[in-house]
Structures are given as structure tokens and as C-alpha cells.
All heavy atoms as atom14 arrays in JSON, in Angstrom:
{
  "sequence": "MESTEVVRQYWSSVWSRDWHAVGVTLAEDVEVFWPVTRE",
  "atom14_mask": [
    [1, 1, 1, 1, 1, 1, 1, 1, 0, 0, 0, 0, 0, 0],
    [1, 1, 1, 1, 1, 1, 1, 1, 1, 0, 0, 0, 0, 0],
    [1, 1, 1, 1, 1, 1, 0, 0, 0, 0, 0, 0, 0, 0],
    [1, 1, 1, 1, 1, 1, 1, 0, 0, 0, 0, 0, 0, 0],
    [1, 1, 1, 1, 1, 1, 1, 1, 1, 0, 0, 0, 0, 0],
    [1, 1, 1, 1, 1, 1, 1, 0, 0, 0, 0, 0, 0, 0],
    [1, 1, 1, 1, 1, 1, 1, 0, 0, 0, 0, 0, 0, 0],
    [1, 1, 1, 1, 1, 1, 1, 1, 1, 1, 1, 0, 0, 0],
    [1, 1, 1, 1, 1, 1, 1, 1, 1, 0, 0, 0, 0, 0],
    [1, 1, 1, 1, 1, 1, 1, 1, 1, 1, 1, 1, 0, 0],
    [1, 1, 1, 1, 1, 1, 1, 1, 1, 1, 1, 1, 1, 1],
    [1, 1, 1, 1, 1, 1, 0, 0, 0, 0, 0, 0, 0, 0],
    [1, 1, 1, 1, 1, 1, 0, 0, 0, 0, 0, 0, 0, 0],
    [1, 1, 1, 1, 1, 1, 1, 0, 0, 0, 0, 0, 0, 0],
    [1, 1, 1, 1, 1, 1, 1, 1, 1, 1, 1, 1, 1, 1],
    [1, 1, 1, 1, 1, 1, 0, 0, 0, 0, 0, 0, 0, 0],
    [1, 1, 1, 1, 1, 1, 1, 1, 1, 1, 1, 0, 0, 0],
    [1, 1, 1, 1, 1, 1, 1, 1, 0, 0, 0, 0, 0, 0],
    [1, 1, 1, 1, 1, 1, 1, 1, 1, 1, 1, 1, 1, 1],
    [1, 1, 1, 1, 1, 1, 1, 1, 1, 1, 0, 0, 0, 0],
    [1, 1, 1, 1, 1, 0, 0, 0, 0, 0, 0, 0, 0, 0],
    [1, 1, 1, 1, 1, 1, 1, 0, 0, 0, 0, 0, 0, 0],
    [1, 1, 1, 1, 0, 0, 0, 0, 0, 0, 0, 0, 0, 0],
    [1, 1, 1, 1, 1, 1, 1, 0, 0, 0, 0, 0, 0, 0],
    [1, 1, 1, 1, 1, 1, 1, 0, 0, 0, 0, 0, 0, 0],
    [1, 1, 1, 1, 1, 1, 1, 1, 0, 0, 0, 0, 0, 0],
    [1, 1, 1, 1, 1, 0, 0, 0, 0, 0, 0, 0, 0, 0],
    [1, 1, 1, 1, 1, 1, 1, 1, 1, 0, 0, 0, 0, 0],
    [1, 1, 1, 1, 1, 1, 1, 1, 0, 0, 0, 0, 0, 0],
    [1, 1, 1, 1, 1, 1, 1, 0, 0, 0, 0, 0, 0, 0],
    [1, 1, 1, 1, 1, 1, 1, 1, 1, 0, 0, 0, 0, 0],
    [1, 1, 1, 1, 1, 1, 1, 0, 0, 0, 0, 0, 0, 0],
    [1, 1, 1, 1, 1, 1, 1, 1, 1, 1, 1, 0, 0, 0],
    [1, 1, 1, 1, 1, 1, 1, 1, 1, 1, 1, 1, 1, 1],
    [1, 1, 1, 1, 1, 1, 1, 0, 0, 0, 0, 0, 0, 0],
    [1, 1, 1, 1, 1, 1, 1, 0, 0, 0, 0, 0, 0, 0],
    [1, 1, 1, 1, 1, 1, 1, 0, 0, 0, 0, 0, 0, 0],
    [1, 1, 1, 1, 1, 1, 1, 1, 1, 1, 1, 0, 0, 0],
    [1, 1, 1, 1, 1, 1, 1, 1, 1, 0, 0, 0, 0, 0]
  ],
  "atom14_positions": [
    [[102.77, -20.43, 27.02], [102.0, -19.23, 27.16], [102.88, -18.03, 26.75], [104.03, -17.96, 27.16], [101.55, -19.1, 28.64], [100.68, -17.92, 28.91], [100.16, -17.68, 30.65], [99.39, -19.24, 31.03], [0.0, 0.0, 0.0], [0.0, 0.0, 0.0], [0.0, 0.0, 0.0], [0.0, 0.0, 0.0], [0.0, 0.0, 0.0], [0.0, 0.0, 0.0]],
    [[102.31, -17.12, 25.97], [103.05, -15.93, 25.56], [103.35, -15.04, 26.76], [102.61, -15.03, 27.76], [102.23, -15.14, 24.55], [102.15, -15.81, 23.21], [101.51, -14.91, 22.16], [101.6, -13.64, 22.31], [100.95, -15.42, 21.21], [0.0, 0.0, 0.0], [0.0, 0.0, 0.0], [0.0, 0.0, 0.0], [0.0, 0.0, 0.0], [0.0, 0.0, 0.0]],
    [[104.4, -14.26, 26.64], [104.84, -13.4, 27.74], [103.74, -12.43, 28.18], [103.55, -12.2, 29.38], [106.08, -12.63, 27.33], [107.15, -13.52, 27.13], [0.0, 0.0, 0.0], [0.0, 0.0, 0.0], [0.0, 0.0, 0.0], [0.0, 0.0, 0.0], [0.0, 0.0, 0.0], [0.0, 0.0, 0.0], [0.0, 0.0, 0.0], [0.0, 0.0, 0.0]],
    [[102.99, -11.86, 27.22], [101.93, -10.94, 27.59], [100.83, -11.64, 28.37], [100.26, -11.06, 29.28], [101.32, -10.25, 26.35], [100.9, -11.25, 25.42], [102.31, -9.32, 25.68], [0.0, 0.0, 0.0], [0.0, 0.0, 0.0], [0.0, 0.0, 0.0], [0.0, 0.0, 0.0], [0.0, 0.0, 0.0], [0.0, 0.0, 0.0], [0.0, 0.0, 0.0]],
    [[100.58, -12.88, 28.05], [99.55, -13.65, 28.79], [100.0, -13.97, 30.2], [99.19, -14.01, 31.13], [99.17, -14.92, 28.03], [98.36, -14.64, 26.77], [97.14, -13.77, 27.06], [96.36, -14.09, 27.99], [96.96, -12.74, 26.38], [0.0, 0.0, 0.0], [0.0, 0.0, 0.0], [0.0, 0.0, 0.0], [0.0, 0.0, 0.0], [0.0, 0.0, 0.0]],
    [[101.31, -14.2, 30.4], [101.83, -14.42, 31.75], [101.58, -13.18, 32.61], [101.11, -13.27, 33.75], [103.33, -14.78, 31.73], [103.92, -14.8, 33.13], [103.57, -16.1, 31.02], [0.0, 0.0, 0.0], [0.0, 0.0, 0.0], [0.0, 0.0, 0.0], [0.0, 0.0, 0.0], [0.0, 0.0, 0.0], [0.0, 0.0, 0.0], [0.0, 0.0, 0.0]],
    [[101.85, -12.03, 32.04], [101.66, -10.75, 32.79], [100.16, -10.53, 33.05], [99.77, -10.16, 34.16], [102.29, -9.56, 32.03], [101.9, -8.25, 32.65], [103.81, -9.74, 32.02], [0.0, 0.0, 0.0], [0.0, 0.0, 0.0], [0.0, 0.0, 0.0], [0.0, 0.0, 0.0], [0.0, 0.0, 0.0], [0.0, 0.0, 0.0], [0.0, 0.0, 0.0]],
    [[99.33, -10.79, 32.06], [97.86, -10.65, 32.28], [97.39, -11.61, 33.36], [96.57, -11.25, 34.2], [97.11, -10.89, 30.98], [97.18, -9.75, 29.99], [96.32, -10.03, 28.76], [96.49, -8.99, 27.78], [95.92, -7.77, 27.83], [95.15, -7.47, 28.85], [96.12, -6.9, 26.87], [0.0, 0.0, 0.0], [0.0, 0.0, 0.0], [0.0, 0.0, 0.0]],
    [[97.94, -12.82, 33.35], [97.55, -13.81, 34.38], [98.01, -13.36, 35.76], [97.31, -13.53, 36.75], [98.14, -15.19, 34.05], [97.73, -16.27, 35.02], [96.23, -16.48, 35.05], [95.58, -16.59, 34.03], [95.65, -16.53, 36.25], [0.0, 0.0, 0.0], [0.0, 0.0, 0.0], [0.0, 0.0, 0.0], [0.0, 0.0, 0.0], [0.0, 0.0, 0.0]],
    [[99.2, -12.76, 35.83], [99.7, -12.24, 37.1], [98.7, -11.22, 37.66], [98.26, -11.33, 38.8], [101.09, -11.59, 36.91], [101.53, -10.77, 38.06], [102.03, -11.36, 39.22], [101.4, -9.38, 38.07], [102.4, -10.6, 40.33], [101.78, -8.6, 39.16], [102.27, -9.23, 40.3], [102.65, -8.47, 41.38], [0.0, 0.0, 0.0], [0.0, 0.0, 0.0]],
    [[98.35, -10.2, 36.86], [97.44, -9.16, 37.34], [96.07, -9.73, 37.66], [95.46, -9.34, 38.68], [97.33, -8.02, 36.33], [98.53, -7.15, 36.29], [99.38, -6.92, 35.24], [99.05, -6.35, 37.37], [100.37, -6.06, 35.61], [100.2, -5.68, 36.9], [98.67, -6.13, 38.7], [100.94, -4.82, 37.69], [99.4, -5.28, 39.48], [100.53, -4.64, 38.99]],
    [[95.57, -10.63, 36.88], [94.27, -11.26, 37.15], [94.3, -12.03, 38.47], [93.35, -11.97, 39.26], [93.91, -12.18, 36.0], [92.72, -12.88, 36.28], [0.0, 0.0, 0.0], [0.0, 0.0, 0.0], [0.0, 0.0, 0.0], [0.0, 0.0, 0.0], [0.0, 0.0, 0.0], [0.0, 0.0, 0.0], [0.0, 0.0, 0.0], [0.0, 0.0, 0.0]],
    [[95.39, -12.74, 38.71], [95.51, -13.5, 39.96], [95.65, -12.6, 41.19], [95.11, -12.89, 42.24], [96.72, -14.45, 39.86], [96.55, -15.36, 38.79], [0.0, 0.0, 0.0], [0.0, 0.0, 0.0], [0.0, 0.0, 0.0], [0.0, 0.0, 0.0], [0.0, 0.0, 0.0], [0.0, 0.0, 0.0], [0.0, 0.0, 0.0], [0.0, 0.0, 0.0]],
    [[96.36, -11.49, 41.04], [96.47, -10.54, 42.13], [95.08, -9.96, 42.43], [94.66, -9.91, 43.58], [97.48, -9.4, 41.83], [97.41, -8.31, 42.88], [98.89, -9.96, 41.75], [0.0, 0.0, 0.0], [0.0, 0.0, 0.0], [0.0, 0.0, 0.0], [0.0, 0.0, 0.0], [0.0, 0.0, 0.0], [0.0, 0.0, 0.0], [0.0, 0.0, 0.0]],
    [[94.37, -9.56, 41.37], [93.05, -8.95, 41.56], [92.08, -9.94, 42.21], [91.32, -9.59, 43.1], [92.54, -8.48, 40.22], [91.11, -8.06, 40.13], [90.29, -8.27, 39.05], [90.3, -7.35, 41.05], [89.04, -7.74, 39.29], [89.02, -7.17, 40.53], [90.53, -6.85, 42.34], [87.98, -6.52, 41.21], [89.49, -6.21, 43.02], [88.24, -6.05, 42.44]],
    [[92.13, -11.2, 41.83], [91.23, -12.21, 42.42], [91.74, -12.74, 43.75], [91.07, -13.56, 44.4], [90.98, -13.36, 41.44], [92.18, -14.08, 41.22], [0.0, 0.0, 0.0], [0.0, 0.0, 0.0], [0.0, 0.0, 0.0], [0.0, 0.0, 0.0], [0.0, 0.0, 0.0], [0.0, 0.0, 0.0], [0.0, 0.0, 0.0], [0.0, 0.0, 0.0]],
    [[92.93, -12.27, 44.14], [93.53, -12.67, 45.42], [93.74, -14.18, 45.51], [93.59, -14.8, 46.54], [92.72, -12.14, 46.59], [92.77, -10.61, 46.68], [91.59, -10.06, 47.45], [91.66, -8.63, 47.68], [91.32, -7.69, 46.82], [90.94, -8.02, 45.59], [91.38, -6.4, 47.13], [0.0, 0.0, 0.0], [0.0, 0.0, 0.0], [0.0, 0.0, 0.0]],
    [[94.11, -14.76, 44.35], [94.45, -16.18, 44.27], [95.98, -16.27, 44.42], [96.7, -16.24, 43.42], [93.98, -16.76, 42.93], [94.24, -18.23, 42.8], [95.09, -18.79, 43.56], [93.62, -18.87, 41.91], [0.0, 0.0, 0.0], [0.0, 0.0, 0.0], [0.0, 0.0, 0.0], [0.0, 0.0, 0.0], [0.0, 0.0, 0.0], [0.0, 0.0, 0.0]],
    [[96.43, -16.34, 45.65], [97.85, -16.22, 45.93], [98.66, -17.37, 45.38], [99.82, -17.2, 44.98], [98.08, -16.01, 47.44], [97.23, -14.87, 47.91], [96.31, -14.88, 48.89], [97.22, -13.53, 47.4], [95.7, -13.65, 49.03], [96.26, -12.81, 48.11], [97.93, -12.86, 46.38], [95.97, -11.45, 47.87], [97.65, -11.53, 46.14], [96.69, -10.84, 46.87]],
    [[98.09, -18.56, 45.32], [98.79, -19.69, 44.7], [99.02, -19.38, 43.2], [100.13, -19.57, 42.69], [98.0, -20.98, 44.85], [98.6, -22.11, 44.09], [99.75, -22.77, 44.48], [98.24, -22.68, 42.9], [100.07, -23.69, 43.59], [99.16, -23.65, 42.62], [0.0, 0.0, 0.0], [0.0, 0.0, 0.0], [0.0, 0.0, 0.0], [0.0, 0.0, 0.0]],
    [[97.98, -18.89, 42.54], [98.1, -18.56, 41.1], [99.1, -17.43, 40.87], [99.81, -17.43, 39.85], [96.74, -18.21, 40.52], [0.0, 0.0, 0.0], [0.0, 0.0, 0.0], [0.0, 0.0, 0.0], [0.0, 0.0, 0.0], [0.0, 0.0, 0.0], [0.0, 0.0, 0.0], [0.0, 0.0, 0.0], [0.0, 0.0, 0.0], [0.0, 0.0, 0.0]],
    [[99.15, -16.47, 41.78], [100.17, -15.41, 41.66], [101.55, -16.03, 41.68], [102.41, -15.75, 40.83], [100.05, -14.37, 42.79], [101.23, -13.41, 42.77], [98.74, -13.58, 42.69], [0.0, 0.0, 0.0], [0.0, 0.0, 0.0], [0.0, 0.0, 0.0], [0.0, 0.0, 0.0], [0.0, 0.0, 0.0], [0.0, 0.0, 0.0], [0.0, 0.0, 0.0]],
    [[101.78, -16.95, 42.62], [103.08, -17.6, 42.73], [103.46, -18.38, 41.49], [104.66, -18.42, 41.12], [0.0, 0.0, 0.0], [0.0, 0.0, 0.0], [0.0, 0.0, 0.0], [0.0, 0.0, 0.0], [0.0, 0.0, 0.0], [0.0, 0.0, 0.0], [0.0, 0.0, 0.0], [0.0, 0.0, 0.0], [0.0, 0.0, 0.0], [0.0, 0.0, 0.0]],
    [[102.49, -18.97, 40.81], [102.74, -19.74, 39.6], [103.28, -18.85, 38.5], [104.06, -19.3, 37.64], [101.46, -20.49, 39.15], [101.62, -21.07, 37.77], [101.12, -21.57, 40.16], [0.0, 0.0, 0.0], [0.0, 0.0, 0.0], [0.0, 0.0, 0.0], [0.0, 0.0, 0.0], [0.0, 0.0, 0.0], [0.0, 0.0, 0.0], [0.0, 0.0, 0.0]],
    [[102.94, -17.57, 38.5], [103.4, -16.66, 37.44], [104.8, -16.1, 37.71], [105.36, -15.44, 36.85], [102.44, -15.46, 37.27], [102.44, -14.67, 38.45], [101.03, -15.92, 36.93], [0.0, 0.0, 0.0], [0.0, 0.0, 0.0], [0.0, 0.0, 0.0], [0.0, 0.0, 0.0], [0.0, 0.0, 0.0], [0.0, 0.0, 0.0], [0.0, 0.0, 0.0]],
    [[105.35, -16.36, 38.9], [106.62, -15.79, 39.29], [107.73, -16.85, 39.4], [107.5, -17.92, 39.94], [106.47, -15.11, 40.66], [105.46, -13.99, 40.76], [105.24, -13.59, 42.2], [105.86, -12.8, 39.91], [0.0, 0.0, 0.0], [0.0, 0.0, 0.0], [0.0, 0.0, 0.0], [0.0, 0.0, 0.0], [0.0, 0.0, 0.0], [0.0, 0.0, 0.0]],
    [[108.92, -16.48, 38.95], [110.08, -17.35, 39.17], [110.39, -17.38, 40.65], [110.14, -16.42, 41.38], [111.29, -16.82, 38.37], [0.0, 0.0, 0.0], [0.0, 0.0, 0.0], [0.0, 0.0, 0.0], [0.0, 0.0, 0.0], [0.0, 0.0, 0.0], [0.0, 0.0, 0.0], [0.0, 0.0, 0.0], [0.0, 0.0, 0.0], [0.0, 0.0, 0.0]],
    [[110.97, -18.46, 41.1], [111.31, -18.6, 42.51], [112.23, -17.47, 42.98], [112.11, -16.96, 44.08], [111.97, -19.95, 42.78], [112.22, -20.21, 44.23], [112.75, -21.62, 44.5], [112.55, -22.51, 43.66], [113.36, -21.79, 45.55], [0.0, 0.0, 0.0], [0.0, 0.0, 0.0], [0.0, 0.0, 0.0], [0.0, 0.0, 0.0], [0.0, 0.0, 0.0]],
    [[113.15, -17.04, 42.1], [114.11, -16.02, 42.46], [113.79, -14.64, 41.83], [114.66, -13.84, 41.6], [115.53, -16.45, 42.1], [115.69, -16.72, 40.61], [114.66, -16.79, 39.87], [116.82, -16.86, 40.16], [0.0, 0.0, 0.0], [0.0, 0.0, 0.0], [0.0, 0.0, 0.0], [0.0, 0.0, 0.0], [0.0, 0.0, 0.0], [0.0, 0.0, 0.0]],
    [[112.52, -14.4, 41.57], [112.1, -13.14, 40.97], [112.59, -11.94, 41.78], [112.71, -12.02, 43.01], [110.54, -13.08, 40.81], [109.86, -13.05, 42.17], [110.11, -11.92, 39.96], [0.0, 0.0, 0.0], [0.0, 0.0, 0.0], [0.0, 0.0, 0.0], [0.0, 0.0, 0.0], [0.0, 0.0, 0.0], [0.0, 0.0, 0.0], [0.0, 0.0, 0.0]],
    [[112.92, -10.86, 41.09], [113.31, -9.61, 41.75], [112.46, -8.49, 41.13], [112.46, -8.34, 39.92], [114.79, -9.29, 41.56], [115.67, -10.09, 42.46], [117.09, -9.53, 42.54], [117.36, -8.44, 41.97], [117.91, -10.2, 43.16], [0.0, 0.0, 0.0], [0.0, 0.0, 0.0], [0.0, 0.0, 0.0], [0.0, 0.0, 0.0], [0.0, 0.0, 0.0]],
    [[111.8, -7.73, 41.98], [110.98, -6.61, 41.51], [111.47, -5.35, 42.22], [111.5, -5.29, 43.45], [109.49, -6.85, 41.75], [108.67, -5.65, 41.3], [109.03, -8.13, 41.03], [0.0, 0.0, 0.0], [0.0, 0.0, 0.0], [0.0, 0.0, 0.0], [0.0, 0.0, 0.0], [0.0, 0.0, 0.0], [0.0, 0.0, 0.0], [0.0, 0.0, 0.0]],
    [[111.81, -4.34, 41.44], [112.34, -3.09, 41.95], [111.28, -2.01, 41.83], [110.65, -1.84, 40.78], [113.58, -2.71, 41.15], [114.21, -1.39, 41.55], [114.36, -1.03, 42.87], [114.72, -0.53, 40.57], [114.98, 0.18, 43.23], [115.32, 0.66, 40.92], [115.45, 1.02, 42.24], [0.0, 0.0, 0.0], [0.0, 0.0, 0.0], [0.0, 0.0, 0.0]],
    [[111.06, -1.27, 42.92], [110.16, -0.12, 42.94], [111.02, 1.13, 43.1], [111.37, 1.53, 44.21], [109.17, -0.23, 44.08], [108.17, -1.34, 43.95], [107.86, -2.06, 42.82], [107.33, -1.87, 44.97], [106.91, -2.99, 43.08], [106.56, -2.9, 44.41], [107.16, -1.58, 46.31], [105.63, -3.61, 45.14], [106.24, -2.3, 47.05], [105.48, -3.3, 46.44]],
    [[111.42, 1.79, 42.0], [112.31, 2.94, 42.08], [111.8, 4.1, 42.92], [112.59, 4.79, 43.55], [112.47, 3.35, 40.61], [112.17, 2.14, 39.83], [111.12, 1.42, 40.61], [0.0, 0.0, 0.0], [0.0, 0.0, 0.0], [0.0, 0.0, 0.0], [0.0, 0.0, 0.0], [0.0, 0.0, 0.0], [0.0, 0.0, 0.0], [0.0, 0.0, 0.0]],
    [[110.49, 4.34, 42.93], [109.95, 5.47, 43.64], [110.28, 5.39, 45.13], [110.6, 6.4, 45.78], [108.43, 5.62, 43.4], [107.83, 6.7, 44.28], [108.15, 5.88, 41.94], [0.0, 0.0, 0.0], [0.0, 0.0, 0.0], [0.0, 0.0, 0.0], [0.0, 0.0, 0.0], [0.0, 0.0, 0.0], [0.0, 0.0, 0.0], [0.0, 0.0, 0.0]],
    [[110.23, 4.18, 45.7], [110.52, 3.99, 47.11], [111.88, 3.29, 47.34], [112.25, 3.05, 48.49], [109.41, 3.17, 47.79], [109.29, 1.9, 47.1], [108.09, 3.92, 47.77], [0.0, 0.0, 0.0], [0.0, 0.0, 0.0], [0.0, 0.0, 0.0], [0.0, 0.0, 0.0], [0.0, 0.0, 0.0], [0.0, 0.0, 0.0], [0.0, 0.0, 0.0]],
    [[112.55, 2.95, 46.27], [113.85, 2.28, 46.32], [113.81, 0.9, 46.98], [114.81, 0.44, 47.51], [114.9, 3.18, 47.0], [115.11, 4.48, 46.28], [116.16, 5.32, 46.96], [116.03, 5.21, 48.41], [116.06, 6.24, 49.26], [116.24, 7.44, 48.79], [115.93, 6.06, 50.54], [0.0, 0.0, 0.0], [0.0, 0.0, 0.0], [0.0, 0.0, 0.0]],
    [[112.65, 0.24, 46.91], [112.53, -1.1, 47.48], [112.78, -2.15, 46.41], [112.4, -1.97, 45.26], [111.11, -1.3, 48.05], [110.79, -0.4, 49.19], [109.34, -0.45, 49.56], [108.54, 0.26, 48.9], [108.97, -1.2, 50.49], [0.0, 0.0, 0.0], [0.0, 0.0, 0.0], [0.0, 0.0, 0.0], [0.0, 0.0, 0.0], [0.0, 0.0, 0.0]]
  ]
}
């Protein structure tokens, strides 16, 4: 799957609240930084 499709699948899975499918799009050790809140 192309990288853009992985990201589209992530957002689609979040929107549909399919939490298993969200997890499939993420690496086990994923790190996401939110600079606005420093989280």
C-alpha cells in the first residue's frame, strides 16, 4: 500500500471508529508529537 493510502486509511478508520483498523495503520512503537500542547 502506498504511503498516502496508509494515511488515508488511518483517517478513515478514526472517523469510522474502527479502533482495530486504526491500530493496523500504526507501528507498535509509533510516536506522535503535538507541538501546540507539547504532548
